[in-house]
Amino acid sequence: MKFFDPRTFSNLNTVITFGIIVVSNILVALVAGYYLDKWTFNNKLLLIVFVFLGVASGLYNGIRYLLKEVDRLERAERKRKAVHDRDNDNHAD
């Protein structure tokens, strides 16, 4: 096993970014729900609603990020394969 493998760091970056997206959405919703609840009813209803909205938003944005990342990796792989096939065709002549 290599000590420095760029794919490992790329995968780790993807996982960390997914986690940051989800947690940050939840925290923003939590803070917004807390202050709105404190300012209005003060019965923790808005806090609970906003936490659920934050979880839903975080998962939605996180999954959307993962799908974009998969699409980017697939395009890069197709491009690499096309270049490799083109190079093999040139060497066969």
C-alpha atoms as a PDB file:
ATOM      1  CA  MET A   1       0.000   0.000   0.000  1.00  0.00           C
ATOM      2  CA  LYS A   2       1.300   3.413  -0.946  1.00  0.00           C
ATOM      3  CA  PHE A   3       1.724   6.021   1.724  1.00  0.00           C
ATOM      4  CA  PHE A   4       0.455   8.816  -0.524  1.00  0.00           C
ATOM      5  CA  ASP A   5      -2.370   7.719  -2.770  1.00  0.00           C
ATOM      6  CA  PRO A   6      -4.271  10.633  -4.374  1.00  0.00           C
ATOM      7  CA  ARG A   7      -7.450   8.570  -4.786  1.00  0.00           C
ATOM      8  CA  THR A   8      -7.560   7.862  -1.059  1.00  0.00           C
ATOM      9  CA  PHE A   9      -7.273  11.558  -0.273  1.00  0.00           C
ATOM     10  CA  SER A  10      -9.899  12.379  -2.894  1.00  0.00           C
ATOM     11  CA  ASN A  11     -12.316   9.873  -1.362  1.00  0.00           C
ATOM     12  CA  LEU A  12     -11.568  11.187   2.125  1.00  0.00           C
ATOM     13  CA  ASN A  13     -12.192  14.735   0.906  1.00  0.00           C
ATOM     14  CA  THR A  14     -15.557  13.685  -0.507  1.00  0.00           C
ATOM     15  CA  VAL A  15     -16.634  12.060   2.760  1.00  0.00           C
ATOM     16  CA  ILE A  16     -15.495  15.019   4.863  1.00  0.00           C
ATOM     17  CA  THR A  17     -17.233  17.505   2.564  1.00  0.00           C
ATOM     18  CA  PHE A  18     -20.457  15.468   2.714  1.00  0.00           C
ATOM     19  CA  GLY A  19     -20.294  15.501   6.519  1.00  0.00           C
ATOM     20  CA  ILE A  20     -19.615  19.229   6.660  1.00  0.00           C
ATOM     21  CA  ILE A  21     -22.556  19.940   4.344  1.00  0.00           C
ATOM     22  CA  VAL A  22     -24.971  17.873   6.422  1.00  0.00           C
ATOM     23  CA  VAL A  23     -23.790  19.125   9.821  1.00  0.00           C
ATOM     24  CA  SER A  24     -23.663  22.776   8.752  1.00  0.00           C
ATOM     25  CA  ASN A  25     -27.232  22.650   7.411  1.00  0.00           C
ATOM     26  CA  ILE A  26     -28.432  21.131  10.667  1.00  0.00           C
ATOM     27  CA  LEU A  27     -26.569  23.695  12.786  1.00  0.00           C
ATOM     28  CA  VAL A  28     -27.890  26.657  10.801  1.00  0.00           C
ATOM     29  CA  ALA A  29     -31.446  25.355  11.101  1.00  0.00           C
ATOM     30  CA  LEU A  30     -30.929  24.657  14.810  1.00  0.00           C
ATOM     31  CA  VAL A  31     -29.728  28.199  15.510  1.00  0.00           C
ATOM     32  CA  ALA A  32     -32.501  29.734  13.391  1.00  0.00           C
ATOM     33  CA  GLY A  33     -35.137  27.587  15.096  1.00  0.00           C
ATOM     34  CA  TYR A  34     -33.779  28.385  18.540  1.00  0.00           C
ATOM     35  CA  TYR A  35     -33.844  32.146  18.052  1.00  0.00           C
ATOM     36  CA  LEU A  36     -37.195  32.171  16.256  1.00  0.00           C
ATOM     37  CA  ASP A  37     -38.678  30.056  19.017  1.00  0.00           C
ATOM     38  CA  LYS A  38     -37.162  32.271  21.689  1.00  0.00           C
ATOM     39  CA  TRP A  39     -38.511  35.378  19.927  1.00  0.00           C
ATOM     40  CA  THR A  40     -42.030  34.024  19.347  1.00  0.00           C
ATOM     41  CA  PHE A  41     -43.817  31.198  21.180  1.00  0.00           C
ATOM     42  CA  ASN A  42     -41.091  29.853  23.486  1.00  0.00           C
ATOM     43  CA  ASN A  43     -42.556  26.321  23.438  1.00  0.00           C
ATOM     44  CA  LYS A  44     -39.794  24.569  21.442  1.00  0.00           C
ATOM     45  CA  LEU A  45     -42.119  23.833  18.519  1.00  0.00           C
ATOM     46  CA  LEU A  46     -40.213  25.973  16.018  1.00  0.00           C
ATOM     47  CA  LEU A  47     -36.927  24.508  17.245  1.00  0.00           C
ATOM     48  CA  ILE A  48     -38.120  20.964  16.527  1.00  0.00           C
ATOM     49  CA  VAL A  49     -39.567  21.925  13.133  1.00  0.00           C
ATOM     50  CA  PHE A  50     -36.368  23.685  12.100  1.00  0.00           C
ATOM     51  CA  VAL A  51     -34.189  20.771  13.217  1.00  0.00           C
ATOM     52  CA  PHE A  52     -36.210  18.428  10.999  1.00  0.00           C
ATOM     53  CA  LEU A  53     -35.969  20.911   8.140  1.00  0.00           C
ATOM     54  CA  GLY A  54     -32.212  21.158   8.707  1.00  0.00           C
ATOM     55  CA  VAL A  55     -31.806  17.379   8.606  1.00  0.00           C
ATOM     56  CA  ALA A  56     -33.850  17.151   5.410  1.00  0.00           C
ATOM     57  CA  SER A  57     -31.964  20.038   3.825  1.00  0.00           C
ATOM     58  CA  GLY A  58     -28.603  18.650   4.887  1.00  0.00           C
ATOM     59  CA  LEU A  59     -29.286  15.204   3.483  1.00  0.00           C
ATOM     60  CA  TYR A  60     -30.708  16.654   0.264  1.00  0.00           C
ATOM     61  CA  ASN A  61     -27.709  18.923  -0.312  1.00  0.00           C
ATOM     62  CA  GLY A  62     -25.266  16.205   0.735  1.00  0.00           C
ATOM     63  CA  ILE A  63     -26.725  13.654  -1.661  1.00  0.00           C
ATOM     64  CA  ARG A  64     -26.820  16.271  -4.409  1.00  0.00           C
ATOM     65  CA  TYR A  65     -23.107  16.939  -3.780  1.00  0.00           C
ATOM     66  CA  LEU A  66     -22.324  13.202  -3.935  1.00  0.00           C
ATOM     67  CA  LEU A  67     -24.174  12.835  -7.228  1.00  0.00           C
ATOM     68  CA  LYS A  68     -22.238  15.764  -8.721  1.00  0.00           C
ATOM     69  CA  GLU A  69     -18.998  14.218  -7.497  1.00  0.00           C
ATOM     70  CA  VAL A  70     -19.869  10.840  -9.063  1.00  0.00           C
ATOM     71  CA  ASP A  71     -20.722  12.575 -12.345  1.00  0.00           C
ATOM     72  CA  ARG A  72     -17.412  14.466 -12.270  1.00  0.00           C
ATOM     73  CA  LEU A  73     -15.448  11.277 -11.628  1.00  0.00           C
ATOM     74  CA  GLU A  74     -17.269   9.411 -14.409  1.00  0.00           C
ATOM     75  CA  ARG A  75     -16.529  12.202 -16.902  1.00  0.00           C
ATOM     76  CA  ALA A  76     -12.861  12.201 -15.877  1.00  0.00           C
ATOM     77  CA  GLU A  77     -12.694   8.403 -16.282  1.00  0.00           C
ATOM     78  CA  ARG A  78     -14.317   8.527 -19.736  1.00  0.00           C
ATOM     79  CA  LYS A  79     -11.906  11.270 -20.787  1.00  0.00           C
ATOM     80  CA  ARG A  80      -8.924   9.294 -19.480  1.00  0.00           C
ATOM     81  CA  LYS A  81     -10.112   6.180 -21.299  1.00  0.00           C
ATOM     82  CA  ALA A  82     -10.638   8.113 -24.552  1.00  0.00           C
ATOM     83  CA  VAL A  83      -7.108   9.515 -24.363  1.00  0.00           C
ATOM     84  CA  HIS A  84      -5.720   6.063 -23.565  1.00  0.00           C
ATOM     85  CA  ASP A  85      -7.598   4.475 -26.497  1.00  0.00           C
ATOM     86  CA  ARG A  86      -6.454   7.247 -28.842  1.00  0.00           C
ATOM     87  CA  ASP A  87      -2.835   6.748 -27.758  1.00  0.00           C
ATOM     88  CA  ASN A  88      -3.106   2.992 -28.341  1.00  0.00           C
ATOM     89  CA  ASP A  89      -4.512   3.607 -31.839  1.00  0.00           C
ATOM     90  CA  ASN A  90      -1.629   5.941 -32.665  1.00  0.00           C
ATOM     91  CA  HIS A  91       0.970   3.406 -31.507  1.00  0.00           C
ATOM     92  CA  ALA A  92      -0.619   0.625 -33.553  1.00  0.00           C
ATOM     93  CA  ASP A  93       0.021   2.507 -36.828  1.00  0.00           C
END
